[in-house]
C-alpha atoms as a PDB file:
ATOM      1  CA  MET A   1      11.342  29.499 -18.958  1.00  0.00           C
ATOM      2  CA  SER A   2       8.941  31.533 -16.836  1.00  0.00           C
ATOM      3  CA  ALA A   3       5.907  29.266 -15.718  1.00  0.00           C
ATOM      4  CA  CYS A   4       3.732  31.618 -17.734  1.00  0.00           C
ATOM      5  CA  SER A   5       5.519  31.240 -20.739  1.00  0.00           C
ATOM      6  CA  THR A   6       5.980  27.447 -20.014  1.00  0.00           C
ATOM      7  CA  VAL A   7       1.610  27.141 -19.992  1.00  0.00           C
ATOM      8  CA  TRP A   8       1.508  29.598 -23.414  1.00  0.00           C
ATOM      9  CA  GLY A   9       4.351  26.981 -25.158  1.00  0.00           C
ATOM     10  CA  LEU A  10       1.663  23.924 -24.567  1.00  0.00           C
ATOM     11  CA  SER A  11      -0.121  23.154 -27.678  1.00  0.00           C
ATOM     12  CA  SER A  12      -3.874  24.016 -28.180  1.00  0.00           C
ATOM     13  CA  ALA A  13      -4.995  20.729 -26.886  1.00  0.00           C
ATOM     14  CA  GLY A  14      -2.692  21.272 -23.620  1.00  0.00           C
ATOM     15  CA  LYS A  15      -4.267  24.406 -22.831  1.00  0.00           C
ATOM     16  CA  GLU A  16      -7.376  22.840 -23.404  1.00  0.00           C
ATOM     17  CA  SER A  17      -6.468  20.137 -20.851  1.00  0.00           C
ATOM     18  CA  ILE A  18      -5.735  22.194 -18.073  1.00  0.00           C
ATOM     19  CA  TRP A  19      -8.060  24.747 -18.459  1.00  0.00           C
ATOM     20  CA  GLN A  20     -10.646  21.756 -17.956  1.00  0.00           C
ATOM     21  CA  VAL A  21      -9.282  20.425 -14.854  1.00  0.00           C
ATOM     22  CA  SER A  22      -8.922  23.527 -13.297  1.00  0.00           C
ATOM     23  CA  ASN A  23     -12.653  24.443 -13.899  1.00  0.00           C
ATOM     24  CA  MET A  24     -14.269  21.303 -12.797  1.00  0.00           C
ATOM     25  CA  ASN A  25     -16.732  22.400 -10.124  1.00  0.00           C
ATOM     26  CA  GLN A  26     -17.383  20.064  -7.496  1.00  0.00           C
ATOM     27  CA  ASP A  27     -20.780  18.214  -9.087  1.00  0.00           C
ATOM     28  CA  GLU A  28     -18.388  17.857 -12.182  1.00  0.00           C
ATOM     29  CA  ILE A  29     -15.976  16.090  -9.962  1.00  0.00           C
ATOM     30  CA  ILE A  30     -18.545  14.329  -7.849  1.00  0.00           C
ATOM     31  CA  ASN A  31     -20.086  12.938 -10.929  1.00  0.00           C
ATOM     32  CA  LEU A  32     -16.603  11.536 -12.175  1.00  0.00           C
ATOM     33  CA  PHE A  33     -16.527  10.021  -9.231  1.00  0.00           C
ATOM     34  CA  ASP A  34     -20.310   7.861  -9.390  1.00  0.00           C
ATOM     35  CA  SER A  35     -19.022   7.003 -12.840  1.00  0.00           C
ATOM     36  CA  ILE A  36     -15.759   5.941 -11.628  1.00  0.00           C
ATOM     37  CA  GLU A  37     -17.831   3.751  -8.861  1.00  0.00           C
ATOM     38  CA  GLU A  38     -20.090   2.519 -11.093  1.00  0.00           C
ATOM     39  CA  LYS A  39     -18.101   1.302 -13.702  1.00  0.00           C
ATOM     40  CA  MET A  40     -15.301  -0.224 -11.496  1.00  0.00           C
ATOM     41  CA  ILE A  41     -17.014  -1.621  -8.086  1.00  0.00           C
ATOM     42  CA  ASN A  42     -18.951  -4.291  -9.630  1.00  0.00           C
ATOM     43  CA  LYS A  43     -18.916  -8.106 -10.241  1.00  0.00           C
ATOM     44  CA  ASP A  44     -17.955  -7.660 -13.449  1.00  0.00           C
ATOM     45  CA  THR A  45     -14.771  -5.555 -12.830  1.00  0.00           C
ATOM     46  CA  LEU A  46     -13.378  -7.229 -10.142  1.00  0.00           C
ATOM     47  CA  GLY A  47     -14.711 -10.810 -10.426  1.00  0.00           C
ATOM     48  CA  PHE A  48     -16.762 -10.769  -7.398  1.00  0.00           C
ATOM     49  CA  ALA A  49     -19.968  -8.879  -6.214  1.00  0.00           C
ATOM     50  CA  PRO A  50     -19.284  -6.255  -3.415  1.00  0.00           C
ATOM     51  CA  GLU A  51     -21.989  -7.431  -1.135  1.00  0.00           C
ATOM     52  CA  VAL A  52     -20.624 -11.064  -0.893  1.00  0.00           C
ATOM     53  CA  LEU A  53     -18.515  -9.604   1.818  1.00  0.00           C
ATOM     54  CA  ASP A  54     -20.787  -7.973   3.782  1.00  0.00           C
ATOM     55  CA  VAL A  55     -21.424 -11.306   5.614  1.00  0.00           C
ATOM     56  CA  LEU A  56     -17.656 -10.568   7.224  1.00  0.00           C
ATOM     57  CA  ASP A  57     -19.524  -7.472   8.931  1.00  0.00           C
ATOM     58  CA  ASN A  58     -22.169 -10.068  10.449  1.00  0.00           C
ATOM     59  CA  VAL A  59     -20.899 -10.631  14.095  1.00  0.00           C
ATOM     60  CA  GLU A  60     -23.283 -13.878  13.996  1.00  0.00           C
ATOM     61  CA  ALA A  61     -22.294 -15.237  10.896  1.00  0.00           C
ATOM     62  CA  GLY A  62     -21.223 -18.766  11.612  1.00  0.00           C
ATOM     63  CA  SER A  63     -17.942 -20.480   9.643  1.00  0.00           C
ATOM     64  CA  GLN A  64     -20.472 -22.404   7.497  1.00  0.00           C
ATOM     65  CA  GLU A  65     -21.557 -18.862   5.802  1.00  0.00           C
ATOM     66  CA  ILE A  66     -18.030 -17.325   5.836  1.00  0.00           C
ATOM     67  CA  GLU A  67     -16.821 -20.353   3.975  1.00  0.00           C
ATOM     68  CA  MET A  68     -19.225 -20.176   1.320  1.00  0.00           C
ATOM     69  CA  ILE A  69     -17.646 -16.398   0.429  1.00  0.00           C
ATOM     70  CA  LYS A  70     -14.997 -18.550  -1.213  1.00  0.00           C
ATOM     71  CA  LEU A  71     -17.631 -19.775  -3.299  1.00  0.00           C
ATOM     72  CA  GLN A  72     -18.293 -16.012  -5.125  1.00  0.00           C
ATOM     73  CA  ILE A  73     -14.482 -15.075  -5.579  1.00  0.00           C
ATOM     74  CA  SER A  74     -12.198 -16.313  -8.339  1.00  0.00           C
ATOM     75  CA  ASN A  75      -9.837 -18.469  -7.981  1.00  0.00           C
ATOM     76  CA  GLU A  76      -7.134 -16.709  -8.819  1.00  0.00           C
ATOM     77  CA  ILE A  77      -7.956 -14.173  -6.052  1.00  0.00           C
ATOM     78  CA  LEU A  78      -8.305 -17.377  -3.335  1.00  0.00           C
ATOM     79  CA  MET A  79      -4.739 -18.598  -4.341  1.00  0.00           C
ATOM     80  CA  LEU A  80      -3.432 -15.321  -3.457  1.00  0.00           C
ATOM     81  CA  VAL A  81      -5.171 -14.726  -0.753  1.00  0.00           C
ATOM     82  CA  PHE A  82      -4.438 -18.125   0.839  1.00  0.00           C
ATOM     83  CA  SER A  83      -0.757 -17.997  -0.347  1.00  0.00           C
ATOM     84  CA  ILE A  84      -0.234 -14.878   1.956  1.00  0.00           C
ATOM     85  CA  ALA A  85      -2.436 -16.124   4.732  1.00  0.00           C
ATOM     86  CA  ASN A  86       0.017 -19.161   4.779  1.00  0.00           C
ATOM     87  CA  SER A  87       3.338 -17.205   4.777  1.00  0.00           C
ATOM     88  CA  ALA A  88       5.729 -17.033   7.319  1.00  0.00           C
ATOM     89  CA  TYR A  89       5.183 -13.586   7.838  1.00  0.00           C
ATOM     90  CA  TYR A  90       2.039 -14.326   9.483  1.00  0.00           C
ATOM     91  CA  LYS A  91       3.384 -17.446  11.362  1.00  0.00           C
ATOM     92  CA  ASN A  92       2.936 -15.582  14.547  1.00  0.00           C
ATOM     93  CA  ILE A  93      -0.885 -15.564  14.668  1.00  0.00           C
ATOM     94  CA  ARG A  94      -1.719 -18.950  13.845  1.00  0.00           C
ATOM     95  CA  LYS A  95      -0.941 -22.619  14.209  1.00  0.00           C
ATOM     96  CA  GLY A  96      -0.646 -25.147  11.171  1.00  0.00           C
ATOM     97  CA  LYS A  97      -1.446 -24.875   7.723  1.00  0.00           C
ATOM     98  CA  ILE A  98      -4.470 -23.000   6.612  1.00  0.00           C
ATOM     99  CA  SER A  99      -6.908 -24.817   4.516  1.00  0.00           C
ATOM    100  CA  SER A 100     -10.359 -23.035   4.971  1.00  0.00           C
ATOM    101  CA  PHE A 101     -11.480 -19.436   3.907  1.00  0.00           C
ATOM    102  CA  TYR A 102     -12.932 -19.493   7.429  1.00  0.00           C
ATOM    103  CA  GLU A 103      -9.391 -19.697   8.812  1.00  0.00           C
ATOM    104  CA  VAL A 104      -8.148 -17.234   6.323  1.00  0.00           C
ATOM    105  CA  VAL A 105     -10.255 -14.568   7.900  1.00  0.00           C
ATOM    106  CA  THR A 106      -9.451 -15.694  11.534  1.00  0.00           C
ATOM    107  CA  SER A 107      -6.402 -15.509  11.183  1.00  0.00           C
ATOM    108  CA  LEU A 108      -5.805 -12.312   8.855  1.00  0.00           C
ATOM    109  CA  GLY A 109      -8.611 -10.424  10.244  1.00  0.00           C
ATOM    110  CA  MET A 110     -12.058  -9.192   8.924  1.00  0.00           C
ATOM    111  CA  ASN A 111     -11.103  -5.781   7.209  1.00  0.00           C
ATOM    112  CA  HIS A 112      -7.403  -7.425   6.278  1.00  0.00           C
ATOM    113  CA  VAL A 113      -9.475  -9.907   4.500  1.00  0.00           C
ATOM    114  CA  LYS A 114     -11.751  -7.519   2.493  1.00  0.00           C
ATOM    115  CA  VAL A 115      -8.934  -4.926   1.665  1.00  0.00           C
ATOM    116  CA  MET A 116      -6.655  -7.722   0.070  1.00  0.00           C
ATOM    117  CA  ILE A 117      -9.515  -9.358  -2.133  1.00  0.00           C
ATOM    118  CA  ILE A 118     -10.084  -5.724  -3.635  1.00  0.00           C
ATOM    119  CA  ILE A 119      -6.510  -4.999  -3.821  1.00  0.00           C
ATOM    120  CA  LEU A 120      -6.137  -8.072  -5.340  1.00  0.00           C
ATOM    121  CA  ALA A 121      -8.653  -7.855  -7.592  1.00  0.00           C
ATOM    122  CA  LEU A 122      -7.487  -4.493  -8.903  1.00  0.00           C
ATOM    123  CA  LYS A 123      -3.601  -6.273  -9.185  1.00  0.00           C
ATOM    124  CA  ILE A 124      -5.322  -8.734 -11.774  1.00  0.00           C
ATOM    125  CA  LEU A 125      -6.931  -6.010 -13.473  1.00  0.00           C
ATOM    126  CA  ALA A 126      -3.719  -4.295 -13.809  1.00  0.00           C
ATOM    127  CA  ARG A 127      -1.581  -6.919 -15.079  1.00  0.00           C
ATOM    128  CA  GLY A 128       0.870  -5.928 -17.445  1.00  0.00           C
ATOM    129  CA  ASP A 129       0.664  -2.524 -16.525  1.00  0.00           C
ATOM    130  CA  LYS A 130       3.800  -1.871 -15.026  1.00  0.00           C
ATOM    131  CA  GLU A 131       2.900   1.756 -13.293  1.00  0.00           C
ATOM    132  CA  ILE A 132      -0.120   0.308 -11.819  1.00  0.00           C
ATOM    133  CA  GLU A 133       1.782  -2.844 -10.759  1.00  0.00           C
ATOM    134  CA  ILE A 134       4.709  -0.533  -8.766  1.00  0.00           C
ATOM    135  CA  ILE A 135       1.730   0.998  -7.012  1.00  0.00           C
ATOM    136  CA  PHE A 136       0.623  -1.843  -5.643  1.00  0.00           C
ATOM    137  CA  ILE A 137       3.770  -3.775  -4.392  1.00  0.00           C
ATOM    138  CA  ARG A 138       4.707  -0.018  -3.012  1.00  0.00           C
ATOM    139  CA  SER A 139       1.482  -0.545  -1.339  1.00  0.00           C
ATOM    140  CA  VAL A 140       2.318  -3.933   0.098  1.00  0.00           C
ATOM    141  CA  VAL A 141       5.900  -2.858   0.925  1.00  0.00           C
ATOM    142  CA  SER A 142       4.262  -0.219   2.852  1.00  0.00           C
ATOM    143  CA  ALA A 143       2.119  -2.507   5.134  1.00  0.00           C
ATOM    144  CA  VAL A 144       5.417  -4.962   5.535  1.00  0.00           C
ATOM    145  CA  PHE A 145       7.824  -1.794   7.022  1.00  0.00           C
ATOM    146  CA  GLY A 146       4.787  -0.169   8.631  1.00  0.00           C
ATOM    147  CA  LYS A 147       3.879  -3.005  10.749  1.00  0.00           C
ATOM    148  CA  ILE A 148       7.856  -3.526  11.621  1.00  0.00           C
ATOM    149  CA  LEU A 149       8.353   0.167  12.272  1.00  0.00           C
ATOM    150  CA  SER A 150       5.419   0.201  14.596  1.00  0.00           C
ATOM    151  CA  GLN A 151       7.018  -2.539  16.639  1.00  0.00           C
ATOM    152  CA  GLN A 152       9.797  -0.575  16.723  1.00  0.00           C
ATOM    153  CA  PHE A 153       7.861   2.327  18.267  1.00  0.00           C
ATOM    154  CA  GLY A 154       6.521  -0.132  20.764  1.00  0.00           C
ATOM    155  CA  MET A 155       3.147  -0.185  19.525  1.00  0.00           C
ATOM    156  CA  ARG A 156       0.896  -2.587  20.867  1.00  0.00           C
ATOM    157  CA  GLU A 157      -0.028  -5.562  17.971  1.00  0.00           C
ATOM    158  CA  ASP A 158      -3.422  -4.800  17.396  1.00  0.00           C
ATOM    159  CA  ASN A 159      -2.297  -0.872  16.513  1.00  0.00           C
ATOM    160  CA  ALA A 160       0.818  -2.522  14.590  1.00  0.00           C
ATOM    161  CA  ARG A 161      -1.758  -4.387  12.357  1.00  0.00           C
ATOM    162  CA  ARG A 162      -3.612  -0.835  11.980  1.00  0.00           C
ATOM    163  CA  VAL A 163      -0.558   0.305  10.940  1.00  0.00           C
ATOM    164  CA  GLU A 164      -0.308  -2.718   8.646  1.00  0.00           C
ATOM    165  CA  LEU A 165      -3.295  -2.159   6.661  1.00  0.00           C
ATOM    166  CA  GLY A 166      -3.039   1.755   6.460  1.00  0.00           C
ATOM    167  CA  GLY A 167      -0.061   0.872   4.139  1.00  0.00           C
ATOM    168  CA  LEU A 168      -2.057  -1.609   2.249  1.00  0.00           C
ATOM    169  CA  PHE A 169      -4.856   0.550   1.602  1.00  0.00           C
ATOM    170  CA  SER A 170      -2.890   4.170   1.119  1.00  0.00           C
ATOM    171  CA  GLU A 171      -3.472   4.035  -2.818  1.00  0.00           C
ATOM    172  CA  ILE A 172      -6.303   1.972  -3.375  1.00  0.00           C
ATOM    173  CA  GLY A 173      -7.779   5.015  -4.907  1.00  0.00           C
ATOM    174  CA  THR A 174      -5.280   6.112  -7.014  1.00  0.00           C
ATOM    175  CA  MET A 175      -5.158   2.434  -8.634  1.00  0.00           C
ATOM    176  CA  ILE A 176      -8.753   2.475  -9.227  1.00  0.00           C
ATOM    177  CA  ILE A 177      -8.519   5.796 -11.182  1.00  0.00           C
ATOM    178  CA  LEU A 178      -5.674   4.711 -13.019  1.00  0.00           C
ATOM    179  CA  LEU A 179      -7.718   1.423 -13.903  1.00  0.00           C
ATOM    180  CA  TYR A 180     -10.741   3.210 -15.008  1.00  0.00           C
ATOM    181  CA  LYS A 181      -8.804   5.604 -16.864  1.00  0.00           C
ATOM    182  CA  LYS A 182      -7.166   2.738 -18.570  1.00  0.00           C
ATOM    183  CA  LEU A 183     -10.166   0.520 -19.428  1.00  0.00           C
ATOM    184  CA  TYR A 184     -13.114   3.320 -20.221  1.00  0.00           C
ATOM    185  CA  ALA A 185     -11.922   6.935 -19.845  1.00  0.00           C
ATOM    186  CA  ALA A 186      -8.241   6.680 -21.785  1.00  0.00           C
ATOM    187  CA  HIS A 187      -9.271  10.253 -23.467  1.00  0.00           C
ATOM    188  CA  ASP A 188     -10.851  12.026 -20.786  1.00  0.00           C
ATOM    189  CA  GLU A 189      -7.901  14.503 -20.079  1.00  0.00           C
ATOM    190  CA  ARG A 190      -9.334  15.798 -17.054  1.00  0.00           C
ATOM    191  CA  ILE A 191      -7.683  12.856 -15.353  1.00  0.00           C
ATOM    192  CA  ASP A 192      -4.500  13.718 -14.884  1.00  0.00           C
ATOM    193  CA  GLU A 193      -1.593  13.393 -12.323  1.00  0.00           C
ATOM    194  CA  THR A 194      -2.672  16.194 -10.581  1.00  0.00           C
ATOM    195  CA  PHE A 195      -6.534  15.394 -10.311  1.00  0.00           C
ATOM    196  CA  ILE A 196      -5.212  12.214  -8.969  1.00  0.00           C
ATOM    197  CA  LYS A 197      -2.901  12.969  -6.677  1.00  0.00           C
ATOM    198  CA  LYS A 198      -5.435  15.791  -5.549  1.00  0.00           C
ATOM    199  CA  TYR A 199      -8.473  13.762  -5.282  1.00  0.00           C
ATOM    200  CA  HIS A 200      -7.866   9.828  -4.755  1.00  0.00           C
ATOM    201  CA  PRO A 201      -8.334  10.030  -1.108  1.00  0.00           C
ATOM    202  CA  TYR A 202     -12.194  10.885  -1.636  1.00  0.00           C
ATOM    203  CA  LEU A 203     -12.458   7.739  -3.916  1.00  0.00           C
ATOM    204  CA  ALA A 204     -10.769   5.560  -1.025  1.00  0.00           C
ATOM    205  CA  GLU A 205     -13.441   7.375   1.343  1.00  0.00           C
ATOM    206  CA  ARG A 206     -15.909   6.048  -0.660  1.00  0.00           C
ATOM    207  CA  ILE A 207     -14.826   2.180  -0.560  1.00  0.00           C
ATOM    208  CA  ILE A 208     -14.353   2.683   3.017  1.00  0.00           C
ATOM    209  CA  GLU A 209     -17.917   3.319   3.456  1.00  0.00           C
ATOM    210  CA  GLN A 210     -19.008   0.727   0.769  1.00  0.00           C
ATOM    211  CA  PHE A 211     -17.154  -2.048   2.480  1.00  0.00           C
ATOM    212  CA  SER A 212     -17.689  -1.024   5.694  1.00  0.00           C
ATOM    213  CA  LEU A 213     -13.648  -0.410   6.519  1.00  0.00           C
ATOM    214  CA  PRO A 214     -12.717   1.113   9.670  1.00  0.00           C
ATOM    215  CA  ASP A 215     -13.223   4.883  10.002  1.00  0.00           C
ATOM    216  CA  TYR A 216      -9.221   5.723  11.038  1.00  0.00           C
ATOM    217  CA  LEU A 217      -8.397   4.596   7.134  1.00  0.00           C
ATOM    218  CA  LYS A 218     -10.120   7.857   6.236  1.00  0.00           C
ATOM    219  CA  GLN A 219      -7.431   9.584   8.428  1.00  0.00           C
ATOM    220  CA  VAL A 220      -4.649   7.581   6.789  1.00  0.00           C
ATOM    221  CA  VAL A 221      -5.645   8.513   2.984  1.00  0.00           C
ATOM    222  CA  PHE A 222      -6.027  12.201   3.918  1.00  0.00           C
ATOM    223  CA  SER A 223      -3.269  12.696   6.164  1.00  0.00           C
ATOM    224  CA  GLU A 224       0.093  14.490   4.317  1.00  0.00           C
ATOM    225  CA  SER A 225       1.732  14.833   7.272  1.00  0.00           C
ATOM    226  CA  ILE A 226       3.100  13.272  10.884  1.00  0.00           C
ATOM    227  CA  VAL A 227      -0.251  13.544  12.752  1.00  0.00           C
ATOM    228  CA  LEU A 228       0.619  13.960  16.988  1.00  0.00           C
ATOM    229  CA  GLU A 229      -1.819  13.714  19.612  1.00  0.00           C
ATOM    230  CA  ASP A 230      -0.978  13.868  23.352  1.00  0.00           C
ATOM    231  CA  SER A 231       2.986  13.945  22.400  1.00  0.00           C
ATOM    232  CA  TYR A 232       3.059  10.833  20.620  1.00  0.00           C
ATOM    233  CA  ILE A 233       2.887   9.970  16.862  1.00  0.00           C
ATOM    234  CA  THR A 234      -0.950   8.615  15.819  1.00  0.00           C
ATOM    235  CA  ILE A 235      -1.315   5.219  13.605  1.00  0.00           C
ATOM    236  CA  SER A 236      -1.866   7.608  11.116  1.00  0.00           C
ATOM    237  CA  GLY A 237       1.048   9.536  11.623  1.00  0.00           C
ATOM    238  CA  ILE A 238       3.401   6.222  11.784  1.00  0.00           C
ATOM    239  CA  THR A 239       1.530   4.885   8.795  1.00  0.00           C
ATOM    240  CA  ARG A 240       2.651   8.202   6.601  1.00  0.00           C
ATOM    241  CA  LEU A 241       6.370   7.662   8.007  1.00  0.00           C
ATOM    242  CA  SER A 242       6.478   4.608   6.504  1.00  0.00           C
ATOM    243  CA  ILE A 243       4.475   5.312   2.945  1.00  0.00           C
ATOM    244  CA  ASP A 244       6.433   8.249   2.697  1.00  0.00           C
ATOM    245  CA  PHE A 245       9.722   6.485   3.196  1.00  0.00           C
ATOM    246  CA  VAL A 246       9.050   3.329   0.784  1.00  0.00           C
ATOM    247  CA  ALA A 247       7.974   6.252  -1.875  1.00  0.00           C
ATOM    248  CA  GLU A 248      11.095   7.974  -1.433  1.00  0.00           C
ATOM    249  CA  CYS A 249      13.173   4.844  -1.378  1.00  0.00           C
ATOM    250  CA  PHE A 250      11.532   3.242  -4.023  1.00  0.00           C
ATOM    251  CA  TYR A 251      12.286   6.963  -6.848  1.00  0.00           C
ATOM    252  CA  LYS A 252      15.671   6.948  -5.559  1.00  0.00           C
ATOM    253  CA  PHE A 253      16.868   2.942  -5.501  1.00  0.00           C
ATOM    254  CA  HIS A 254      14.504   1.950  -8.834  1.00  0.00           C
ATOM    255  CA  ASN A 255      11.505   0.246  -7.176  1.00  0.00           C
ATOM    256  CA  GLN A 256      13.804  -1.359  -4.181  1.00  0.00           C
ATOM    257  CA  LEU A 257      13.461  -0.507  -0.292  1.00  0.00           C
ATOM    258  CA  VAL A 258      16.973  -0.488   1.104  1.00  0.00           C
ATOM    259  CA  VAL A 259      17.931  -1.308   4.309  1.00  0.00           C
ATOM    260  CA  GLU A 260      21.885  -0.226   5.702  1.00  0.00           C
ATOM    261  CA  ASP A 261      22.502  -2.601   8.164  1.00  0.00           C
ATOM    262  CA  HIS A 262      24.944  -2.187  10.938  1.00  0.00           C
ATOM    263  CA  SER A 263      24.000  -4.839  13.368  1.00  0.00           C
ATOM    264  CA  PRO A 264      26.441  -7.609  14.488  1.00  0.00           C
ATOM    265  CA  PRO A 265      25.799 -11.232  13.127  1.00  0.00           C
ATOM    266  CA  VAL A 266      23.391 -13.405  15.486  1.00  0.00           C
ATOM    267  CA  SER A 267      24.492 -17.084  16.031  1.00  0.00           C
ATOM    268  CA  GLY A 268      21.145 -18.260  15.265  1.00  0.00           C
ATOM    269  CA  CYS A 269      21.571 -21.288  17.577  1.00  0.00           C
ATOM    270  CA  ASP A 270      18.979 -20.272  19.841  1.00  0.00           C
ATOM    271  CA  GLY A 271      16.632 -19.459  16.882  1.00  0.00           C
ATOM    272  CA  ALA A 272      17.018 -15.505  17.425  1.00  0.00           C
ATOM    273  CA  MET A 273      17.072 -13.537  13.896  1.00  0.00           C
ATOM    274  CA  SER A 274      18.451  -9.810  13.634  1.00  0.00           C
ATOM    275  CA  LEU A 275      15.915  -7.286  12.568  1.00  0.00           C
ATOM    276  CA  ALA A 276      17.394  -7.232   9.308  1.00  0.00           C
ATOM    277  CA  ASN A 277      16.596 -10.943   8.853  1.00  0.00           C
ATOM    278  CA  ILE A 278      13.171 -10.771   9.789  1.00  0.00           C
ATOM    279  CA  ILE A 279      12.674  -7.830   7.619  1.00  0.00           C
ATOM    280  CA  GLU A 280      14.312 -10.058   4.687  1.00  0.00           C
ATOM    281  CA  HIS A 281      12.477 -13.151   5.666  1.00  0.00           C
ATOM    282  CA  GLN A 282       8.811 -10.868   5.628  1.00  0.00           C
ATOM    283  CA  PHE A 283       9.377  -9.537   2.168  1.00  0.00           C
ATOM    284  CA  ASP A 284      10.424 -13.180   1.029  1.00  0.00           C
ATOM    285  CA  ALA A 285       7.140 -14.412   2.624  1.00  0.00           C
ATOM    286  CA  VAL A 286       4.467 -11.848   0.612  1.00  0.00           C
ATOM    287  CA  GLY A 287       6.854 -12.964  -2.799  1.00  0.00           C
ATOM    288  CA  LEU A 288       8.788  -9.699  -2.673  1.00  0.00           C
ATOM    289  CA  GLY A 289      12.292 -10.418  -1.704  1.00  0.00           C
ATOM    290  CA  LYS A 290      13.313  -8.507  -5.321  1.00  0.00           C
ATOM    291  CA  TYR A 291      12.446  -5.090  -4.141  1.00  0.00           C
ATOM    292  CA  LEU A 292      14.286  -5.301  -0.924  1.00  0.00           C
ATOM    293  CA  ARG A 293      18.379  -4.488  -0.738  1.00  0.00           C
ATOM    294  CA  ILE A 294      20.173  -5.048   2.463  1.00  0.00           C
ATOM    295  CA  ILE A 295      23.481  -3.078   2.736  1.00  0.00           C
ATOM    296  CA  LYS A 296      26.407  -4.511   5.274  1.00  0.00           C
ATOM    297  CA  ASN A 297      29.022  -1.806   3.806  1.00  0.00           C
ATOM    298  CA  LYS A 298      28.070   1.161   2.261  1.00  0.00           C
ATOM    299  CA  GLU A 299      30.600   1.927  -0.532  1.00  0.00           C
ATOM    300  CA  ARG A 300      31.845   5.497  -0.451  1.00  0.00           C
ATOM    301  CA  LEU A 301      32.806   7.585  -3.655  1.00  0.00           C
ATOM    302  CA  LEU A 302      35.924   9.083  -2.046  1.00  0.00           C
ATOM    303  CA  PRO A 303      38.113   7.176   0.601  1.00  0.00           C
ATOM    304  CA  GLU A 304      37.838   8.641   3.987  1.00  0.00           C
ATOM    305  CA  TYR A 305      39.441  11.992   4.716  1.00  0.00           C
ATOM    306  CA  GLU A 306      42.743  11.618   6.861  1.00  0.00           C
ATOM    307  CA  GLY A 307      43.943  15.145   6.512  1.00  0.00           C
ATOM    308  CA  ARG A 308      43.744  16.132  10.549  1.00  0.00           C
ATOM    309  CA  LYS A 309      44.978  12.598  11.278  1.00  0.00           C
ATOM    310  CA  LYS A 310      48.418  13.242   9.203  1.00  0.00           C
ATOM    311  CA  GLU A 311      48.842  16.337  11.021  1.00  0.00           C
ATOM    312  CA  GLN A 312      48.396  14.951  14.297  1.00  0.00           C
ATOM    313  CA  GLU A 313      50.893  12.247  13.291  1.00  0.00           C
ATOM    314  CA  ARG A 314      53.498  15.115  12.252  1.00  0.00           C
ATOM    315  CA  VAL A 315      52.877  16.776  15.594  1.00  0.00           C
END
């Protein structure tokens, strides 16, 4: 069946939906985003007032001012943030157990804390919605894998953390639009898969501006390819590698990141770990162990072909 006949085979309601989406002008799209932002980025929806995070932008803010932020954020979000900050995943940048919100900020970084609070609030809102929860998990997996990948590329630690943050932030626009549709606009046929894929970076851009997040995140959300600069892969390029690889793995392997490990066993007597072990430990630390599968010996569907070998043996 041709594409044309497929469209004409739709019901009248389906054809009307396609017409509405394709005929939305810029003003209509901007007005829709205004509505999404108004409904979704507020205290009633997120569980905290967005302006409470402004303190983190004040370079003169003291430890007490930063500590007071936790009183204005829901306990559920705080528990998750503290759990991540105290995980073994971050043990290389901290000493001892974190017990204060100020230590969370100094350990994870101001921008990481902001993004984590926002995305965890969305995760809580999406509780029970499998599609949105998988998007959240895919974002976290992209962050973990992206940081590991950037370190393998020899990136400095600060740039590796940027890749990590880019992966975490990459699908925030998609999550917000899906949640808006679920909570406030279930019958709005304009908001379909095509609309979300095309326009989610523009909503992410608004979040970047509203929460004073770094500009490089705009390059991440708008990038659709590997970005090169002066003969090297940029931060957004490596982030895109990670995001696309994780997305393909999740699609192919039923929501799992699959790693094939050919490295020899490590004795462990000197505390050394193989890269596969490091990846496994980091996934476990953020509670995503079940979304990782490490394969030691890949199974074959057919035995190895030995035709040429048999011919040589006869000779």
